Amino acid sequence: MASTLKDVARLAGVSVKTVSNVVNGYPHVSADVRRRVDAAVAQLGYRPNAFARTLRTGRTGVLALVLPGADVPYPDDLAREVVREAGSRGYRVVIEQAPPDDEPAAPALGDARAMPVDGVLVSAPVAPSELVEALTAAGRPVVLVGGEARHGRCDQVTIDVARAAEDATAHLLGAGRRRIAAIGAYPRESPRADGYHRALCRAGLAPVPGHRLPASRHRRADGYRAARALLAQPERPDAIFCYSDALAIGAMRAAFDAGLRVPGDVAVIGIGDIEEGRYSRPTLSTVSIDTAFLAREAVARVANRIDQPDAAFARVTAPHTVLPRESTEPR
């Protein structure tokens, strides 16, 4: 026979209401009581009746996590950390994939409005304003995760990409590089470009004309094409800062195809710390984002928004750190 809330309450020595609060992820429960209830739940193998809870509360106990398409690498452990953190609060997570850039947004917006979920976590690189507006208009609490885009009607857990770019460029300067190029989407207008320029100015340098190239998307192929163009210039860069690890992986392949050595002839660094960069040859230097922090804060923000729809919107910045690897070793 399946265990009930009363069984869990009796074993844990608490009230049925307290067990319900723990199971449903309410925050105002002491750590000691939560541990006792969790232990009783595990011992009895108790499983909440999701259908009954939905009828009673109007909530599904499900969050959606919207990530970029499969061709856009993203920090590998973000989804895992979100699922783990959400589970600790009594939520399940469904993963949704954002439509490719060349597909119309309308079908995706319709699907977003119809999502049978309590809240949505959206990767900022795939968060156009119309998607955020559609979700909030449909009554879905939304939290943007990562990136630097600002939206006034939702919570955000962001990355200080300008500082990350500045730190990446400073790392290349510290490795003795002076002709540092940059590859990324709209390099003259983004916060990453601002950070890149600040680091160069602090070192008394200016970008070499033609050493800043855009990329239509942050894919390996875009990094490859841009790096091929950079490395064919008469004044070839001795280092390349890429706005993402995927661009950097493509740039390293371009250097190899041009008969150059990484890092001997050209150093390369990215942002994101994707798993591929840890096993590439050479291994890729990168700016690593604290994905556990991103997940923890994002889930906390969306849970708070579900419980308090009228609370003030919050903006939290995740820490980052430069991880030097073989692709930027000093000459």
C-alpha atoms as a PDB file:
ATOM      1  CA  MET A   1       0.000   0.000   0.000  1.00  0.00           C
ATOM      2  CA  ALA A   2       1.298   3.455  -0.916  1.00  0.00           C
ATOM      3  CA  SER A   3       2.439   5.694   1.913  1.00  0.00           C
ATOM      4  CA  THR A   4       0.454   8.817   2.765  1.00  0.00           C
ATOM      5  CA  LEU A   5       1.200  12.255   4.171  1.00  0.00           C
ATOM      6  CA  LYS A   6      -0.040  11.009   7.542  1.00  0.00           C
ATOM      7  CA  ASP A   7       2.481   8.157   7.473  1.00  0.00           C
ATOM      8  CA  VAL A   8       5.329  10.575   6.756  1.00  0.00           C
ATOM      9  CA  ALA A   9       4.122  12.985   9.456  1.00  0.00           C
ATOM     10  CA  ARG A  10       3.918  10.200  12.053  1.00  0.00           C
ATOM     11  CA  LEU A  11       7.440   8.936  11.285  1.00  0.00           C
ATOM     12  CA  ALA A  12       8.967  12.438  11.203  1.00  0.00           C
ATOM     13  CA  GLY A  13       7.116  13.554  14.341  1.00  0.00           C
ATOM     14  CA  VAL A  14       5.559  16.612  12.698  1.00  0.00           C
ATOM     15  CA  SER A  15       2.130  17.702  11.497  1.00  0.00           C
ATOM     16  CA  VAL A  16       0.612  16.762   8.142  1.00  0.00           C
ATOM     17  CA  LYS A  17       0.674  20.471   7.228  1.00  0.00           C
ATOM     18  CA  THR A  18       4.428  20.611   7.857  1.00  0.00           C
ATOM     19  CA  VAL A  19       4.999  17.587   5.622  1.00  0.00           C
ATOM     20  CA  SER A  20       2.897  19.254   2.931  1.00  0.00           C
ATOM     21  CA  ASN A  21       4.981  22.438   3.218  1.00  0.00           C
ATOM     22  CA  VAL A  22       8.242  20.508   2.819  1.00  0.00           C
ATOM     23  CA  VAL A  23       6.990  18.392  -0.082  1.00  0.00           C
ATOM     24  CA  ASN A  24       5.687  21.478  -1.889  1.00  0.00           C
ATOM     25  CA  GLY A  25       8.930  23.382  -1.465  1.00  0.00           C
ATOM     26  CA  TYR A  26       7.783  26.168   0.830  1.00  0.00           C
ATOM     27  CA  PRO A  27      10.869  28.025   2.121  1.00  0.00           C
ATOM     28  CA  HIS A  28       9.772  28.823   5.693  1.00  0.00           C
ATOM     29  CA  VAL A  29      10.670  25.442   7.205  1.00  0.00           C
ATOM     30  CA  SER A  30      13.632  24.910   9.542  1.00  0.00           C
ATOM     31  CA  ALA A  31      16.580  22.881   8.245  1.00  0.00           C
ATOM     32  CA  ASP A  32      16.146  20.299  11.013  1.00  0.00           C
ATOM     33  CA  VAL A  33      12.463  19.713  10.235  1.00  0.00           C
ATOM     34  CA  ARG A  34      13.170  19.561   6.499  1.00  0.00           C
ATOM     35  CA  ARG A  35      15.851  16.895   7.087  1.00  0.00           C
ATOM     36  CA  ARG A  36      13.491  14.806   9.238  1.00  0.00           C
ATOM     37  CA  VAL A  37      10.706  14.987   6.686  1.00  0.00           C
ATOM     38  CA  ASP A  38      13.057  14.222   3.798  1.00  0.00           C
ATOM     39  CA  ALA A  39      14.403  11.192   5.698  1.00  0.00           C
ATOM     40  CA  ALA A  40      10.872   9.940   6.389  1.00  0.00           C
ATOM     41  CA  VAL A  41       9.889  10.452   2.733  1.00  0.00           C
ATOM     42  CA  ALA A  42      12.920   8.451   1.596  1.00  0.00           C
ATOM     43  CA  GLN A  43      12.361   5.673   4.157  1.00  0.00           C
ATOM     44  CA  LEU A  44       8.681   5.225   3.277  1.00  0.00           C
ATOM     45  CA  GLY A  45       9.118   5.787  -0.458  1.00  0.00           C
ATOM     46  CA  TYR A  46       6.380   8.418  -0.381  1.00  0.00           C
ATOM     47  CA  ARG A  47       5.379   9.919  -3.747  1.00  0.00           C
ATOM     48  CA  PRO A  48       3.135  13.011  -3.829  1.00  0.00           C
ATOM     49  CA  ASN A  49      -0.045  12.744  -5.863  1.00  0.00           C
ATOM     50  CA  ALA A  50       0.768  15.291  -8.552  1.00  0.00           C
ATOM     51  CA  PHE A  51      -2.738  15.260 -10.045  1.00  0.00           C
ATOM     52  CA  ALA A  52      -4.374  15.928  -6.684  1.00  0.00           C
ATOM     53  CA  ARG A  53      -1.918  18.728  -5.940  1.00  0.00           C
ATOM     54  CA  THR A  54      -2.681  20.372  -9.288  1.00  0.00           C
ATOM     55  CA  LEU A  55      -6.420  20.264  -8.605  1.00  0.00           C
ATOM     56  CA  ARG A  56      -5.934  21.611  -5.093  1.00  0.00           C
ATOM     57  CA  THR A  57      -3.459  24.402  -5.790  1.00  0.00           C
ATOM     58  CA  GLY A  58      -3.792  25.114  -9.490  1.00  0.00           C
ATOM     59  CA  ARG A  59      -0.059  24.414  -9.821  1.00  0.00           C
ATOM     60  CA  THR A  60       1.644  21.659 -11.794  1.00  0.00           C
ATOM     61  CA  GLY A  61       4.889  21.410  -9.818  1.00  0.00           C
ATOM     62  CA  VAL A  62       6.741  21.690 -13.149  1.00  0.00           C
ATOM     63  CA  LEU A  63       9.229  24.281 -14.409  1.00  0.00           C
ATOM     64  CA  ALA A  64      10.366  24.700 -18.016  1.00  0.00           C
ATOM     65  CA  LEU A  65      14.004  25.356 -18.932  1.00  0.00           C
ATOM     66  CA  VAL A  66      14.411  26.849 -22.418  1.00  0.00           C
ATOM     67  CA  LEU A  67      17.901  26.313 -23.874  1.00  0.00           C
ATOM     68  CA  PRO A  68      19.548  27.183 -27.207  1.00  0.00           C
ATOM     69  CA  GLY A  69      19.307  24.768 -30.125  1.00  0.00           C
ATOM     70  CA  ALA A  70      21.539  21.725 -30.309  1.00  0.00           C
ATOM     71  CA  ASP A  71      24.004  23.528 -32.607  1.00  0.00           C
ATOM     72  CA  VAL A  72      24.774  26.184 -29.970  1.00  0.00           C
ATOM     73  CA  PRO A  73      26.967  24.753 -27.183  1.00  0.00           C
ATOM     74  CA  TYR A  74      26.086  25.940 -23.690  1.00  0.00           C
ATOM     75  CA  PRO A  75      27.578  25.245 -20.249  1.00  0.00           C
ATOM     76  CA  ASP A  76      27.089  21.484 -20.001  1.00  0.00           C
ATOM     77  CA  ASP A  77      26.148  21.329 -16.357  1.00  0.00           C
ATOM     78  CA  LEU A  78      23.519  24.102 -16.309  1.00  0.00           C
ATOM     79  CA  ALA A  79      20.565  21.821 -17.032  1.00  0.00           C
ATOM     80  CA  ARG A  80      21.810  19.261 -14.504  1.00  0.00           C
ATOM     81  CA  GLU A  81      22.180  21.903 -11.802  1.00  0.00           C
ATOM     82  CA  VAL A  82      18.727  23.356 -12.534  1.00  0.00           C
ATOM     83  CA  VAL A  83      17.105  19.904 -12.323  1.00  0.00           C
ATOM     84  CA  ARG A  84      18.897  19.187  -9.035  1.00  0.00           C
ATOM     85  CA  GLU A  85      18.044  22.545  -7.482  1.00  0.00           C
ATOM     86  CA  ALA A  86      14.432  22.419  -8.651  1.00  0.00           C
ATOM     87  CA  GLY A  87      14.076  18.885  -7.291  1.00  0.00           C
ATOM     88  CA  SER A  88      15.213  20.064  -3.865  1.00  0.00           C
ATOM     89  CA  ARG A  89      12.228  22.442  -3.911  1.00  0.00           C
ATOM     90  CA  GLY A  90       9.728  19.835  -5.078  1.00  0.00           C
ATOM     91  CA  TYR A  91       9.668  20.794  -8.762  1.00  0.00           C
ATOM     92  CA  ARG A  92      10.223  18.711 -11.859  1.00  0.00           C
ATOM     93  CA  VAL A  93      11.844  20.266 -14.944  1.00  0.00           C
ATOM     94  CA  VAL A  94      11.032  19.907 -18.629  1.00  0.00           C
ATOM     95  CA  ILE A  95      13.625  20.993 -21.195  1.00  0.00           C
ATOM     96  CA  GLU A  96      12.453  23.038 -24.162  1.00  0.00           C
ATOM     97  CA  GLN A  97      14.624  23.901 -27.179  1.00  0.00           C
ATOM     98  CA  ALA A  98      14.484  27.376 -28.660  1.00  0.00           C
ATOM     99  CA  PRO A  99      13.690  27.548 -32.388  1.00  0.00           C
ATOM    100  CA  PRO A 100      16.623  28.192 -34.761  1.00  0.00           C
ATOM    101  CA  ASP A 101      17.217  31.778 -35.819  1.00  0.00           C
ATOM    102  CA  ASP A 102      15.965  31.077 -39.337  1.00  0.00           C
ATOM    103  CA  GLU A 103      12.576  29.728 -38.200  1.00  0.00           C
ATOM    104  CA  PRO A 104       9.554  31.976 -37.475  1.00  0.00           C
ATOM    105  CA  ALA A 105       9.022  32.779 -33.821  1.00  0.00           C
ATOM    106  CA  ALA A 106       5.215  32.657 -33.902  1.00  0.00           C
ATOM    107  CA  PRO A 107       4.825  28.865 -33.405  1.00  0.00           C
ATOM    108  CA  ALA A 108       7.277  28.949 -30.500  1.00  0.00           C
ATOM    109  CA  LEU A 109       5.366  31.802 -28.878  1.00  0.00           C
ATOM    110  CA  GLY A 110       2.130  29.843 -29.171  1.00  0.00           C
ATOM    111  CA  ASP A 111       3.764  26.825 -27.545  1.00  0.00           C
ATOM    112  CA  ALA A 112       5.177  29.039 -24.776  1.00  0.00           C
ATOM    113  CA  ARG A 113       1.747  30.416 -23.897  1.00  0.00           C
ATOM    114  CA  ALA A 114       0.324  26.902 -23.715  1.00  0.00           C
ATOM    115  CA  MET A 115       3.087  25.465 -21.492  1.00  0.00           C
ATOM    116  CA  PRO A 116       1.435  23.622 -18.553  1.00  0.00           C
ATOM    117  CA  VAL A 117       4.138  24.806 -16.141  1.00  0.00           C
ATOM    118  CA  ASP A 118       4.342  27.020 -13.067  1.00  0.00           C
ATOM    119  CA  GLY A 119       7.372  29.015 -14.226  1.00  0.00           C
ATOM    120  CA  VAL A 120       9.929  29.298 -17.024  1.00  0.00           C
ATOM    121  CA  LEU A 121      13.706  29.670 -16.929  1.00  0.00           C
ATOM    122  CA  VAL A 122      14.984  31.034 -20.242  1.00  0.00           C
ATOM    123  CA  SER A 123      18.581  31.051 -21.388  1.00  0.00           C
ATOM    124  CA  ALA A 124      19.230  34.731 -22.093  1.00  0.00           C
ATOM    125  CA  PRO A 125      20.895  34.090 -25.502  1.00  0.00           C
ATOM    126  CA  VAL A 126      17.519  32.773 -26.714  1.00  0.00           C
ATOM    127  CA  ALA A 127      15.292  35.308 -24.953  1.00  0.00           C
ATOM    128  CA  PRO A 128      13.918  37.816 -27.465  1.00  0.00           C
ATOM    129  CA  SER A 129      11.632  40.439 -25.958  1.00  0.00           C
ATOM    130  CA  GLU A 130       8.561  39.002 -27.698  1.00  0.00           C
ATOM    131  CA  LEU A 131       9.105  35.622 -25.988  1.00  0.00           C
ATOM    132  CA  VAL A 132       9.379  37.234 -22.559  1.00  0.00           C
ATOM    133  CA  GLU A 133       6.310  39.369 -23.252  1.00  0.00           C
ATOM    134  CA  ALA A 134       4.309  36.341 -24.422  1.00  0.00           C
ATOM    135  CA  LEU A 135       5.177  34.323 -21.327  1.00  0.00           C
ATOM    136  CA  THR A 136       4.476  37.098 -18.855  1.00  0.00           C
ATOM    137  CA  ALA A 137       1.215  37.980 -20.622  1.00  0.00           C
ATOM    138  CA  ALA A 138       0.180  34.349 -20.216  1.00  0.00           C
ATOM    139  CA  GLY A 139       0.819  34.598 -16.482  1.00  0.00           C
ATOM    140  CA  ARG A 140       4.033  32.570 -16.506  1.00  0.00           C
ATOM    141  CA  PRO A 141       6.719  33.731 -14.073  1.00  0.00           C
ATOM    142  CA  VAL A 142       9.924  34.112 -16.105  1.00  0.00           C
ATOM    143  CA  VAL A 143      13.570  34.223 -15.075  1.00  0.00           C
ATOM    144  CA  LEU A 144      16.317  34.961 -17.607  1.00  0.00           C
ATOM    145  CA  VAL A 145      19.474  32.950 -16.997  1.00  0.00           C
ATOM    146  CA  GLY A 146      22.862  34.199 -18.184  1.00  0.00           C
ATOM    147  CA  GLY A 147      23.696  36.851 -20.763  1.00  0.00           C
ATOM    148  CA  GLU A 148      23.542  40.613 -20.468  1.00  0.00           C
ATOM    149  CA  ALA A 149      20.164  41.481 -22.019  1.00  0.00           C
ATOM    150  CA  ARG A 150      17.903  43.579 -19.802  1.00  0.00           C
ATOM    151  CA  HIS A 151      14.159  43.015 -19.590  1.00  0.00           C
ATOM    152  CA  GLY A 152      12.085  45.108 -17.228  1.00  0.00           C
ATOM    153  CA  ARG A 153       9.284  42.619 -16.567  1.00  0.00           C
ATOM    154  CA  CYS A 154      11.119  39.580 -15.245  1.00  0.00           C
ATOM    155  CA  ASP A 155      13.832  38.474 -12.834  1.00  0.00           C
ATOM    156  CA  GLN A 156      17.344  37.934 -14.177  1.00  0.00           C
ATOM    157  CA  VAL A 157      20.387  35.981 -13.086  1.00  0.00           C
ATOM    158  CA  THR A 158      23.042  37.490 -15.304  1.00  0.00           C
ATOM    159  CA  ILE A 159      26.702  37.257 -16.216  1.00  0.00           C
ATOM    160  CA  ASP A 160      28.938  40.329 -16.188  1.00  0.00           C
ATOM    161  CA  VAL A 161      30.068  39.625 -19.740  1.00  0.00           C
ATOM    162  CA  ALA A 162      31.884  42.947 -20.039  1.00  0.00           C
ATOM    163  CA  ARG A 163      34.080  42.060 -17.066  1.00  0.00           C
ATOM    164  CA  ALA A 164      34.471  38.487 -18.343  1.00  0.00           C
ATOM    165  CA  ALA A 165      35.702  39.825 -21.691  1.00  0.00           C
ATOM    166  CA  GLU A 166      38.042  42.241 -19.954  1.00  0.00           C
ATOM    167  CA  ASP A 167      39.493  39.448 -17.819  1.00  0.00           C
ATOM    168  CA  ALA A 168      39.937  37.163 -20.855  1.00  0.00           C
ATOM    169  CA  THR A 169      41.751  39.881 -22.800  1.00  0.00           C
ATOM    170  CA  ALA A 170      43.885  40.754 -19.771  1.00  0.00           C
ATOM    171  CA  HIS A 171      44.871  37.086 -19.539  1.00  0.00           C
ATOM    172  CA  LEU A 172      46.124  37.197 -23.139  1.00  0.00           C
ATOM    173  CA  LEU A 173      48.050  40.377 -22.394  1.00  0.00           C
ATOM    174  CA  GLY A 174      49.579  38.705 -19.355  1.00  0.00           C
ATOM    175  CA  ALA A 175      50.737  35.862 -21.605  1.00  0.00           C
ATOM    176  CA  GLY A 176      52.764  38.364 -23.636  1.00  0.00           C
ATOM    177  CA  ARG A 177      50.331  38.881 -26.533  1.00  0.00           C
ATOM    178  CA  ARG A 178      49.946  42.327 -28.048  1.00  0.00           C
ATOM    179  CA  ARG A 179      48.060  41.965 -31.357  1.00  0.00           C
ATOM    180  CA  ILE A 180      44.812  40.661 -29.886  1.00  0.00           C
ATOM    181  CA  ALA A 181      41.845  40.168 -32.197  1.00  0.00           C
ATOM    182  CA  ALA A 182      38.204  39.581 -31.221  1.00  0.00           C
ATOM    183  CA  ILE A 183      35.512  37.399 -32.786  1.00  0.00           C
ATOM    184  CA  GLY A 184      31.863  37.698 -31.828  1.00  0.00           C
ATOM    185  CA  ALA A 185      28.395  38.924 -32.684  1.00  0.00           C
ATOM    186  CA  TYR A 186      28.344  42.689 -33.234  1.00  0.00           C
ATOM    187  CA  PRO A 187      31.770  43.264 -31.642  1.00  0.00           C
ATOM    188  CA  ARG A 188      31.514  47.075 -31.773  1.00  0.00           C
ATOM    189  CA  GLU A 189      28.242  47.265 -29.848  1.00  0.00           C
ATOM    190  CA  SER A 190      28.201  44.582 -27.170  1.00  0.00           C
ATOM    191  CA  PRO A 191      29.366  44.603 -23.540  1.00  0.00           C
ATOM    192  CA  ARG A 192      31.972  42.003 -24.521  1.00  0.00           C
ATOM    193  CA  ALA A 193      33.452  44.544 -26.927  1.00  0.00           C
ATOM    194  CA  ASP A 194      33.518  47.127 -24.144  1.00  0.00           C
ATOM    195  CA  GLY A 195      35.482  44.772 -21.885  1.00  0.00           C
ATOM    196  CA  TYR A 196      37.893  43.883 -24.693  1.00  0.00           C
ATOM    197  CA  HIS A 197      38.588  47.583 -25.344  1.00  0.00           C
ATOM    198  CA  ARG A 198      39.047  48.399 -21.657  1.00  0.00           C
ATOM    199  CA  ALA A 199      41.714  45.731 -21.243  1.00  0.00           C
ATOM    200  CA  LEU A 200      43.615  46.952 -24.304  1.00  0.00           C
ATOM    201  CA  CYS A 201      43.395  50.595 -23.230  1.00  0.00           C
ATOM    202  CA  ARG A 202      44.681  49.739 -19.772  1.00  0.00           C
ATOM    203  CA  ALA A 203      47.743  48.167 -21.438  1.00  0.00           C
ATOM    204  CA  GLY A 204      48.241  51.254 -23.619  1.00  0.00           C
ATOM    205  CA  LEU A 205      47.144  49.438 -26.777  1.00  0.00           C
ATOM    206  CA  ALA A 206      44.501  49.986 -29.434  1.00  0.00           C
ATOM    207  CA  PRO A 207      42.824  47.322 -31.581  1.00  0.00           C
ATOM    208  CA  VAL A 208      44.530  46.794 -34.923  1.00  0.00           C
ATOM    209  CA  PRO A 209      42.171  47.864 -37.751  1.00  0.00           C
ATOM    210  CA  GLY A 210      40.434  44.794 -39.116  1.00  0.00           C
ATOM    211  CA  HIS A 211      41.115  42.703 -36.002  1.00  0.00           C
ATOM    212  CA  ARG A 212      37.479  42.777 -34.824  1.00  0.00           C
ATOM    213  CA  LEU A 213      35.218  40.480 -36.818  1.00  0.00           C
ATOM    214  CA  PRO A 214      31.530  39.703 -36.285  1.00  0.00           C
ATOM    215  CA  ALA A 215      29.991  36.238 -36.167  1.00  0.00           C
ATOM    216  CA  SER A 216      26.377  35.669 -37.153  1.00  0.00           C
ATOM    217  CA  ARG A 217      25.973  33.132 -34.349  1.00  0.00           C
ATOM    218  CA  HIS A 218      28.216  31.625 -31.675  1.00  0.00           C
ATOM    219  CA  ARG A 219      28.916  28.390 -33.558  1.00  0.00           C
ATOM    220  CA  ARG A 220      32.146  26.593 -34.404  1.00  0.00           C
ATOM    221  CA  ALA A 221      31.718  27.291 -38.116  1.00  0.00           C
ATOM    222  CA  ASP A 222      31.375  31.032 -37.474  1.00  0.00           C
ATOM    223  CA  GLY A 223      34.574  31.036 -35.424  1.00  0.00           C
ATOM    224  CA  TYR A 224      36.349  29.067 -38.130  1.00  0.00           C
ATOM    225  CA  ARG A 225      35.374  31.476 -40.930  1.00  0.00           C
ATOM    226  CA  ALA A 226      36.256  34.595 -38.933  1.00  0.00           C
ATOM    227  CA  ALA A 227      39.608  33.200 -37.779  1.00  0.00           C
ATOM    228  CA  ARG A 228      40.541  32.170 -41.342  1.00  0.00           C
ATOM    229  CA  ALA A 229      39.987  35.772 -42.407  1.00  0.00           C
ATOM    230  CA  LEU A 230      41.986  37.137 -39.461  1.00  0.00           C
ATOM    231  CA  LEU A 231      44.919  34.796 -39.949  1.00  0.00           C
ATOM    232  CA  ALA A 232      45.158  35.647 -43.645  1.00  0.00           C
ATOM    233  CA  GLN A 233      45.730  39.349 -42.922  1.00  0.00           C
ATOM    234  CA  PRO A 234      49.207  40.849 -43.471  1.00  0.00           C
ATOM    235  CA  GLU A 235      49.351  41.938 -39.817  1.00  0.00           C
ATOM    236  CA  ARG A 236      48.290  38.631 -38.332  1.00  0.00           C
ATOM    237  CA  PRO A 237      47.061  38.627 -34.713  1.00  0.00           C
ATOM    238  CA  ASP A 238      49.094  36.757 -32.123  1.00  0.00           C
ATOM    239  CA  ALA A 239      45.974  36.076 -30.002  1.00  0.00           C
ATOM    240  CA  ILE A 240      42.223  35.799 -30.507  1.00  0.00           C
ATOM    241  CA  PHE A 241      39.572  36.494 -27.888  1.00  0.00           C
ATOM    242  CA  CYS A 242      36.341  34.693 -28.823  1.00  0.00           C
ATOM    243  CA  TYR A 243      32.958  35.624 -27.372  1.00  0.00           C
ATOM    244  CA  SER A 244      32.180  31.936 -26.765  1.00  0.00           C
ATOM    245  CA  ASP A 245      33.988  28.612 -26.470  1.00  0.00           C
ATOM    246  CA  ALA A 246      32.281  27.339 -29.631  1.00  0.00           C
ATOM    247  CA  LEU A 247      33.776  30.222 -31.615  1.00  0.00           C
ATOM    248  CA  ALA A 248      37.159  29.495 -30.027  1.00  0.00           C
ATOM    249  CA  ILE A 249      37.036  25.802 -30.992  1.00  0.00           C
ATOM    250  CA  GLY A 250      36.414  26.858 -34.594  1.00  0.00           C
ATOM    251  CA  ALA A 251      39.216  29.437 -34.415  1.00  0.00           C
ATOM    252  CA  MET A 252      41.736  26.823 -33.222  1.00  0.00           C
ATOM    253  CA  ARG A 253      40.826  24.579 -36.157  1.00  0.00           C
ATOM    254  CA  ALA A 254      41.310  27.506 -38.544  1.00  0.00           C
ATOM    255  CA  ALA A 255      44.792  28.106 -37.128  1.00  0.00           C
ATOM    256  CA  PHE A 256      45.656  24.431 -37.603  1.00  0.00           C
ATOM    257  CA  ASP A 257      44.430  24.486 -41.219  1.00  0.00           C
ATOM    258  CA  ALA A 258      46.529  27.607 -41.850  1.00  0.00           C
ATOM    259  CA  GLY A 259      49.666  25.769 -40.696  1.00  0.00           C
ATOM    260  CA  LEU A 260      49.916  27.700 -37.437  1.00  0.00           C
ATOM    261  CA  ARG A 261      50.471  26.465 -33.897  1.00  0.00           C
ATOM    262  CA  VAL A 262      48.223  27.155 -30.919  1.00  0.00           C
ATOM    263  CA  PRO A 263      49.503  28.695 -28.693  1.00  0.00           C
ATOM    264  CA  GLY A 264      52.932  29.072 -30.337  1.00  0.00           C
ATOM    265  CA  ASP A 265      51.805  31.318 -33.190  1.00  0.00           C
ATOM    266  CA  VAL A 266      48.406  32.391 -31.938  1.00  0.00           C
ATOM    267  CA  ALA A 267      46.777  32.060 -28.520  1.00  0.00           C
ATOM    268  CA  VAL A 268      43.016  31.498 -28.238  1.00  0.00           C
ATOM    269  CA  ILE A 269      40.568  31.986 -25.358  1.00  0.00           C
ATOM    270  CA  GLY A 270      36.770  31.720 -25.127  1.00  0.00           C
ATOM    271  CA  ILE A 271      33.922  32.130 -22.639  1.00  0.00           C
ATOM    272  CA  GLY A 272      31.708  29.348 -21.293  1.00  0.00           C
ATOM    273  CA  ASP A 273      33.859  26.389 -20.213  1.00  0.00           C
ATOM    274  CA  ILE A 274      32.015  23.843 -22.366  1.00  0.00           C
ATOM    275  CA  GLU A 275      33.156  20.253 -21.980  1.00  0.00           C
ATOM    276  CA  GLU A 276      34.581  20.078 -25.505  1.00  0.00           C
ATOM    277  CA  GLY A 277      37.205  22.670 -24.594  1.00  0.00           C
ATOM    278  CA  ARG A 278      38.478  20.544 -21.703  1.00  0.00           C
ATOM    279  CA  TYR A 279      39.357  17.711 -24.094  1.00  0.00           C
ATOM    280  CA  SER A 280      40.375  19.602 -27.244  1.00  0.00           C
ATOM    281  CA  ARG A 281      43.989  19.608 -28.367  1.00  0.00           C
ATOM    282  CA  PRO A 282      45.290  21.925 -27.121  1.00  0.00           C
ATOM    283  CA  THR A 283      42.880  22.306 -24.236  1.00  0.00           C
ATOM    284  CA  LEU A 284      41.008  25.601 -24.433  1.00  0.00           C
ATOM    285  CA  SER A 285      41.542  28.471 -22.011  1.00  0.00           C
ATOM    286  CA  THR A 286      38.214  29.969 -21.048  1.00  0.00           C
ATOM    287  CA  VAL A 287      36.226  32.124 -18.674  1.00  0.00           C
ATOM    288  CA  SER A 288      34.195  29.750 -16.523  1.00  0.00           C
ATOM    289  CA  ILE A 289      30.800  30.848 -15.226  1.00  0.00           C
ATOM    290  CA  ASP A 290      29.550  29.543 -11.876  1.00  0.00           C
ATOM    291  CA  THR A 291      26.647  27.479 -13.241  1.00  0.00           C
ATOM    292  CA  ALA A 292      25.728  26.133  -9.799  1.00  0.00           C
ATOM    293  CA  PHE A 293      25.174  29.740  -8.704  1.00  0.00           C
ATOM    294  CA  LEU A 294      23.172  30.464 -11.873  1.00  0.00           C
ATOM    295  CA  ALA A 295      20.920  27.472 -11.279  1.00  0.00           C
ATOM    296  CA  ARG A 296      20.493  28.056  -7.555  1.00  0.00           C
ATOM    297  CA  GLU A 297      19.577  31.726  -7.948  1.00  0.00           C
ATOM    298  CA  ALA A 298      17.393  31.178 -11.020  1.00  0.00           C
ATOM    299  CA  VAL A 299      15.303  28.479  -9.342  1.00  0.00           C
ATOM    300  CA  ALA A 300      15.059  30.566  -6.160  1.00  0.00           C
ATOM    301  CA  ARG A 301      13.905  33.575  -8.189  1.00  0.00           C
ATOM    302  CA  VAL A 302      11.233  31.668 -10.108  1.00  0.00           C
ATOM    303  CA  ALA A 303       9.979  29.913  -6.944  1.00  0.00           C
ATOM    304  CA  ASN A 304       9.712  33.280  -5.211  1.00  0.00           C
ATOM    305  CA  ARG A 305       7.894  34.743  -8.215  1.00  0.00           C
ATOM    306  CA  ILE A 306       5.405  31.838  -8.186  1.00  0.00           C
ATOM    307  CA  ASP A 307       4.645  32.447  -4.500  1.00  0.00           C
ATOM    308  CA  GLN A 308       4.783  36.259  -4.691  1.00  0.00           C
ATOM    309  CA  PRO A 309       3.741  37.399  -8.184  1.00  0.00           C
ATOM    310  CA  ASP A 310       3.857  41.083  -7.217  1.00  0.00           C
ATOM    311  CA  ALA A 311       7.345  41.079  -5.665  1.00  0.00           C
ATOM    312  CA  ALA A 312       9.894  43.532  -7.032  1.00  0.00           C
ATOM    313  CA  PHE A 313      11.950  42.173  -9.928  1.00  0.00           C
ATOM    314  CA  ALA A 314      15.470  41.106  -8.965  1.00  0.00           C
ATOM    315  CA  ARG A 315      18.724  41.130 -10.905  1.00  0.00           C
ATOM    316  CA  VAL A 316      21.582  38.950  -9.620  1.00  0.00           C
ATOM    317  CA  THR A 317      25.077  38.634 -11.139  1.00  0.00           C
ATOM    318  CA  ALA A 318      26.913  35.299 -11.157  1.00  0.00           C
ATOM    319  CA  PRO A 319      30.667  35.134 -10.465  1.00  0.00           C
ATOM    320  CA  HIS A 320      33.199  33.974 -13.058  1.00  0.00           C
ATOM    321  CA  THR A 321      36.871  32.995 -13.213  1.00  0.00           C
ATOM    322  CA  VAL A 322      39.538  32.677 -15.905  1.00  0.00           C
ATOM    323  CA  LEU A 323      40.743  29.093 -16.423  1.00  0.00           C
ATOM    324  CA  PRO A 324      44.162  29.117 -18.137  1.00  0.00           C
ATOM    325  CA  ARG A 325      44.819  26.005 -20.232  1.00  0.00           C
ATOM    326  CA  GLU A 326      47.156  25.004 -23.040  1.00  0.00           C
ATOM    327  CA  SER A 327      45.726  27.326 -25.722  1.00  0.00           C
ATOM    328  CA  THR A 328      47.183  30.439 -24.022  1.00  0.00           C
ATOM    329  CA  GLU A 329      50.421  29.135 -22.509  1.00  0.00           C
ATOM    330  CA  PRO A 330      53.155  31.826 -22.587  1.00  0.00           C
ATOM    331  CA  ARG A 331      55.676  31.547 -25.358  1.00  0.00           C
END
